[in-house]
Protein backbone atom coordinates (compact mmCIF):
# COMPACT_ATOMS: atom_id res chain seq x y z
CA MET A 1 124.49 224.76 23.59
CA PHE A 2 121.04 225.52 25.11
CA PHE A 3 121.21 229.35 23.83
CA ALA A 4 120.65 227.32 20.26
CA LEU A 5 118.84 224.72 21.39
CA THR A 6 116.34 227.91 23.16
CA GLN A 7 116.11 230.43 20.01
CA TRP A 8 115.90 227.73 17.67
CA MET A 9 113.14 225.97 19.69
CA PHE A 10 111.47 229.73 20.26
CA ALA A 11 111.49 230.53 16.34
CA PHE A 12 110.80 226.98 15.08
CA CYS A 13 107.17 226.07 17.82
CA ILE A 14 106.31 229.36 18.99
CA VAL A 15 106.86 232.18 16.35
CA ALA A 16 106.22 230.15 13.43
CA PRO A 17 102.96 228.53 13.82
CA ILE A 18 101.77 231.86 14.46
CA PHE A 19 102.32 233.40 11.52
CA SER A 20 102.11 230.53 9.32
CA SER A 21 98.27 230.20 10.32
CA ASN A 22 98.04 233.77 8.63
CA HIS A 23 100.21 232.97 5.96
CA VAL A 24 102.38 235.65 7.03
CA LEU A 25 106.54 234.83 6.68
CA PRO A 26 107.84 236.26 10.29
CA ASN A 27 111.30 238.54 10.24
CA ILE A 28 113.47 236.27 11.55
CA HIS A 29 112.99 233.52 8.90
CA GLY A 30 114.53 230.59 6.86
CA ASN A 31 118.64 231.27 7.57
CA LEU A 32 118.35 234.31 9.67
CA VAL A 33 117.46 232.22 12.23
CA TRP A 34 121.06 230.09 12.55
CA LEU A 35 122.50 233.64 11.80
CA LEU A 36 120.76 235.42 15.14
CA ILE A 37 121.70 232.09 16.73
CA LEU A 38 125.18 231.92 15.88
CA SER A 39 125.16 235.84 16.93
CA TYR A 40 124.40 234.55 20.27
CA VAL A 41 126.59 231.49 19.90
CA LEU A 42 129.44 233.60 19.53
CA LEU A 43 128.24 236.05 22.41
CA ALA A 44 127.74 233.02 24.99
CA ALA A 45 131.95 231.58 23.95
CA GLY A 46 132.84 234.92 24.73
CA GLY A 47 131.11 235.45 27.57
CA TYR A 48 132.85 232.06 28.92
CA ILE A 49 135.74 233.09 27.79
CA ILE A 50 136.38 236.58 29.21
CA ASN A 51 134.55 235.16 32.45
CA ASP A 52 137.54 231.95 32.53
CA TYR A 53 140.03 234.76 32.02
CA PHE A 54 138.94 237.29 34.94
CA ASP A 55 138.12 233.71 37.31
CA LEU A 56 141.28 232.48 36.96
CA ASN A 57 142.83 232.31 40.48
CA ILE A 58 139.15 231.77 41.08
CA ASP A 59 138.91 228.68 39.38
CA GLN A 60 142.13 226.86 40.30
CA ILE A 61 140.78 226.53 43.68
CA ASN A 62 137.28 225.25 43.00
CA LYS A 63 137.38 223.56 39.70
CA PRO A 64 141.67 223.15 38.83
CA ASN A 65 140.52 220.47 36.17
CA LYS A 66 138.70 222.49 33.86
CA VAL A 67 141.04 225.78 34.10
CA MET A 68 141.25 226.67 30.71
CA ILE A 69 143.15 229.71 30.50
CA ASP A 70 146.84 229.23 30.62
CA THR A 71 146.05 225.15 30.11
CA PHE A 72 144.10 225.51 26.56
CA ILE A 73 144.53 229.05 25.59
CA GLY A 74 146.82 231.51 26.11
CA ARG A 75 145.37 234.89 27.94
CA ARG A 76 146.24 236.59 24.59
CA TRP A 77 144.71 234.73 22.90
CA ALA A 78 141.81 234.72 25.19
CA ILE A 79 141.59 238.20 24.88
CA PHE A 80 141.86 238.34 20.98
CA PHE A 81 138.56 235.76 20.59
CA HIS A 82 136.47 237.70 23.41
CA SER A 83 136.69 240.43 21.18
CA ALA A 84 136.83 238.29 17.81
CA PHE A 85 133.72 236.71 18.35
CA ASN A 86 131.65 239.79 19.97
CA LEU A 87 132.66 241.49 16.88
CA ALA A 88 131.19 239.10 14.54
CA SER A 89 127.99 239.02 16.72
CA ILE A 90 127.04 242.59 16.29
CA CYS A 91 128.32 242.18 12.09
CA ILE A 92 125.26 239.80 12.42
CA GLY A 93 123.81 241.57 14.17
CA VAL A 94 123.04 244.66 12.03
CA TYR A 95 123.26 242.43 8.36
CA ILE A 96 119.90 241.36 9.99
CA ASP A 97 118.96 244.45 10.82
CA LEU A 98 119.88 245.71 7.27
CA GLN A 99 117.81 242.67 5.83
CA VAL A 100 114.13 243.22 7.55
CA HIS A 101 114.70 246.42 8.29
CA ILE A 102 114.43 245.60 12.61
CA ARG A 103 116.88 248.11 13.10
CA PHE A 104 118.16 247.59 16.78
CA LEU A 105 120.44 243.75 16.37
CA GLY A 106 123.32 244.88 16.38
CA ILE A 107 123.30 247.59 19.01
CA ALA A 108 121.48 244.22 21.17
CA ASN A 109 124.54 242.74 20.39
CA PHE A 110 126.41 244.97 21.40
CA VAL A 111 124.57 245.60 24.73
CA TYR A 112 124.91 242.35 25.24
CA GLY A 113 128.28 241.35 24.93
CA LEU A 114 129.89 244.74 27.22
CA LEU A 115 126.77 243.00 29.61
CA LEU A 116 129.01 239.80 30.00
CA PHE A 117 132.21 241.17 30.13
CA ILE A 118 130.74 243.40 33.13
CA TYR A 119 129.46 241.05 35.09
CA SER A 120 132.62 238.65 34.64
CA LEU A 121 135.06 242.07 35.61
CA SER A 122 133.17 242.99 38.72
CA LEU A 123 129.57 242.07 38.77
CA LYS A 124 129.83 238.96 39.32
CA LYS A 125 131.66 239.35 42.84
CA LYS A 126 128.92 241.69 43.98
CA LEU A 127 125.65 240.85 46.10
CA LEU A 128 122.57 239.25 44.30
CA MET A 129 123.92 241.81 41.01
CA GLY A 130 125.74 238.74 38.69
CA ASN A 131 122.90 236.49 38.84
CA ILE A 132 119.84 238.82 38.63
CA LEU A 133 121.93 240.26 35.14
CA ILE A 134 122.55 236.58 33.50
CA ALA A 135 119.04 235.47 34.66
CA ILE A 136 118.19 238.08 32.43
CA LEU A 137 120.44 237.75 29.72
CA LEU A 138 119.33 233.79 29.13
CA ALA A 139 115.81 235.22 29.41
CA TRP A 140 116.12 237.67 26.26
CA VAL A 141 117.34 234.65 24.24
CA ILE A 142 113.74 234.18 23.56
CA MET A 143 112.73 237.94 24.38
CA VAL A 144 115.10 238.82 21.62
CA ILE A 145 113.09 237.01 18.98
CA SER A 146 109.99 238.59 19.99
CA ILE A 147 110.70 241.66 19.74
CA CYS A 148 112.50 240.95 16.58
CA GLU A 149 108.59 240.49 15.27
CA ALA A 150 106.99 242.94 17.28
CA ASN A 151 106.34 245.66 14.30
CA GLN A 152 104.94 242.62 12.40
CA PHE A 153 101.96 243.28 14.32
CA HIS A 154 101.58 246.97 12.96
CA LEU A 155 102.16 246.87 9.65
CA ASP A 156 99.83 243.70 9.64
CA ALA A 157 96.13 243.95 10.61
CA SER A 158 95.55 240.53 10.55
CA LEU A 159 98.31 239.59 12.93
CA ARG A 160 96.89 241.65 15.75
CA LEU A 161 94.85 241.48 18.76
CA ILE A 162 94.40 237.20 19.56
CA ASN A 163 98.21 236.48 17.37
CA SER A 164 100.21 239.58 19.10
CA GLN A 165 98.84 238.19 22.76
CA LYS A 166 99.60 235.11 22.36
CA LEU A 167 102.56 235.48 21.19
CA LEU A 168 103.68 237.82 24.00
CA ARG A 169 101.54 235.07 26.83
CA TYR A 170 104.65 232.95 25.96
CA THR A 171 107.34 234.73 26.04
CA ILE A 172 106.85 235.39 29.23
CA LEU A 173 106.17 232.13 30.02
CA TYR A 174 109.21 230.72 28.90
CA ALA A 175 111.71 234.02 29.44
CA GLY A 176 109.89 234.42 33.07
CA PHE A 177 110.85 230.03 33.79
CA ALA A 178 113.93 230.83 32.02
CA PHE A 179 114.63 233.71 34.37
CA ILE A 180 113.50 232.08 37.25
CA VAL A 181 114.94 228.29 36.93
CA ASN A 182 118.52 230.18 36.46
CA LEU A 183 118.17 232.62 39.43
CA ILE A 184 118.53 229.02 40.80
CA ARG A 185 121.48 228.32 39.20
CA GLU A 186 123.46 230.60 39.48
CA VAL A 187 123.07 230.61 43.51
CA VAL A 188 123.52 227.29 43.96
CA LYS A 189 126.67 227.53 42.02
CA ASP A 190 127.64 230.45 44.30
CA MET A 191 126.89 227.58 47.02
CA GLU A 192 129.42 224.98 45.40
CA ASP A 193 131.55 228.21 44.87
CA ILE A 194 132.03 229.65 48.29
CA GLU A 195 135.37 228.27 49.44
CA GLY A 196 137.32 229.69 46.68
CA ASP A 197 135.41 233.14 45.84
CA ARG A 198 135.81 233.27 49.48
CA GLN A 199 139.38 233.74 49.62
CA TYR A 200 139.28 235.87 46.55
CA GLY A 201 137.04 238.44 48.29
CA CYS A 202 133.45 238.01 46.37
CA ARG A 203 130.58 238.96 48.26
CA THR A 204 127.88 236.15 46.79
CA MET A 205 124.71 235.50 48.58
CA PRO A 206 126.13 232.80 50.45
CA ILE A 207 128.98 234.72 51.98
CA ALA A 208 127.32 237.51 52.35
CA TRP A 209 123.98 236.07 54.11
CA GLY A 210 125.44 232.16 54.88
CA ILE A 211 124.29 229.27 53.97
CA ASN A 212 121.27 228.85 55.75
CA ALA A 213 119.33 231.75 54.57
CA THR A 214 120.76 231.19 50.92
CA LYS A 215 118.63 227.88 50.51
CA VAL A 216 115.58 230.06 52.24
CA PHE A 217 116.17 232.18 49.18
CA VAL A 218 116.24 229.44 46.51
CA ALA A 219 113.82 227.43 48.20
CA VAL A 220 111.26 230.54 48.26
CA TRP A 221 112.09 230.89 44.26
CA LEU A 222 111.52 227.06 43.64
CA THR A 223 108.29 227.20 45.33
CA VAL A 224 107.04 230.06 43.52
CA LEU A 225 108.03 228.51 40.35
CA ILE A 226 106.10 224.98 41.34
CA ALA A 227 103.76 226.94 42.03
CA ILE A 228 103.23 228.45 39.02
CA LEU A 229 103.43 225.82 36.69
CA VAL A 230 100.98 224.04 38.96
CA LEU A 231 99.09 226.59 37.71
CA LEU A 232 99.20 226.43 34.42
CA GLN A 233 98.64 222.57 34.33
CA PHE A 234 94.98 223.32 35.26
CA TYR A 235 94.96 225.69 32.11
CA THR A 236 95.82 223.40 30.11
CA PHE A 237 94.15 221.10 31.40
CA GLN A 238 90.96 222.54 30.39
CA LEU A 239 92.27 222.31 26.80
CA GLY A 240 92.85 219.15 26.27
CA TRP A 241 96.62 219.11 26.21
CA PHE A 242 96.54 215.75 28.29
CA TRP A 243 100.40 215.24 27.26
CA PHE A 244 101.92 218.94 27.51
CA SER A 245 100.45 218.09 30.71
CA LEU A 246 102.33 214.65 32.21
CA TYR A 247 105.25 215.94 30.53
CA SER A 248 105.39 219.35 32.49
CA ILE A 249 104.27 217.13 35.88
CA SER A 250 106.54 214.19 34.95
CA LEU A 251 109.89 216.18 33.90
CA ILE A 252 109.72 219.75 35.01
CA ILE A 253 107.85 219.84 38.24
CA VAL A 254 109.08 216.81 39.62
CA PRO A 255 112.48 217.66 39.32
CA LEU A 256 112.23 220.90 40.63
CA ILE A 257 110.32 218.79 43.55
CA LEU A 258 113.22 216.82 44.10
CA ILE A 259 115.29 220.02 44.22
CA PHE A 260 113.46 221.54 46.34
CA LYS A 261 114.62 218.44 48.39
CA GLN A 262 118.12 217.82 48.27
CA LEU A 263 118.68 221.60 48.38
CA PHE A 264 117.80 221.49 52.20
CA GLN A 265 119.68 217.78 52.58
CA ALA A 266 123.23 219.78 50.51
CA ASN A 267 126.52 220.43 52.86
CA ILE A 268 129.15 219.74 50.35
CA PRO A 269 129.92 221.16 46.68
CA SER A 270 129.19 217.96 45.74
CA ASP A 271 125.88 217.98 46.73
CA TYR A 272 125.33 221.11 45.09
CA HIS A 273 126.90 220.32 41.71
CA LYS A 274 124.48 216.76 41.99
CA ILE A 275 121.93 220.09 42.29
CA SER A 276 122.94 222.61 39.81
CA THR A 277 122.90 219.32 37.53
CA ILE A 278 119.20 218.39 37.82
CA ILE A 279 118.60 222.19 37.19
CA LYS A 280 119.82 222.03 33.47
CA ILE A 281 118.19 218.58 32.83
CA VAL A 282 114.92 220.95 34.04
CA MET A 283 116.18 223.25 31.71
CA PHE A 284 116.34 220.84 29.00
CA THR A 285 112.77 219.20 29.56
CA GLY A 286 111.42 223.11 29.56
CA ILE A 287 113.16 224.28 26.50
CA LEU A 288 111.65 221.00 24.88
CA SER A 289 108.20 221.23 26.14
CA MET A 290 107.75 224.31 23.44
CA PHE A 291 107.48 221.54 20.61
CA PHE A 292 104.18 220.89 22.17
CA PHE A 293 102.83 224.26 20.97
CA ARG A 294 103.38 223.54 18.09
CA VAL A 295 101.62 220.28 17.86
CA TYR A 296 98.53 221.68 19.49
CA SER A 297 98.42 224.94 17.69
């Protein structure tokens, strides 16, 4: 699952080297890393269940072979598992709070689960609001790790300035990447699911604006993302990070350009599904690129 891989890579490849260079232990270390990851895996699982619960009728049209509710799990059990997963995540957050004295994870996990519920209940059917919310929530899985470490920079003078700025830059880079890529994917999925969404009164972007305008919206965000990544290569190349540049160009930037090309050729749901799959691959390669920051740190 992307949640688990993203958080593990960020904690291991970004946060750990910054603190180890100053011989300081991060707040989230050892088993606490795995507990934090577990809490967000539980939140994601609960979110998927409640989303399938509210989208049962739509999914029977858009993806009849992948309907889970009333096929593999009853509706009452779906509500039970959703509630149990969210409660377990909150409890884990509170436990971590007590272990490292950060006092916010329990509340943050509660709000995260609540927002996923609101998204599934109503926001996903509204123009752009659901897309933006999901993109923010997926960027949050990176941001939350950095926030957990924020008090360290106030307590330890040796970690201030350069290292705090470094962590902030890496957080913005990967949280921003996660936000843009997931916003693009959510809108592409709306184009794929347009028929089922239209029958049940959804006001997603392809329905409200039309397919062509939606493609332009996606193309603009793709252009922004590609431009940022290209500019980043000039910076990393000057640092001598040649393998990172080669990796980024071949496995992130080139696939994004391919998505851009295929976007305007797409006409049927299977075309958009193919684009969505390529976006998933870009998300995966983007996550794995964190490894280079550990190598070059």
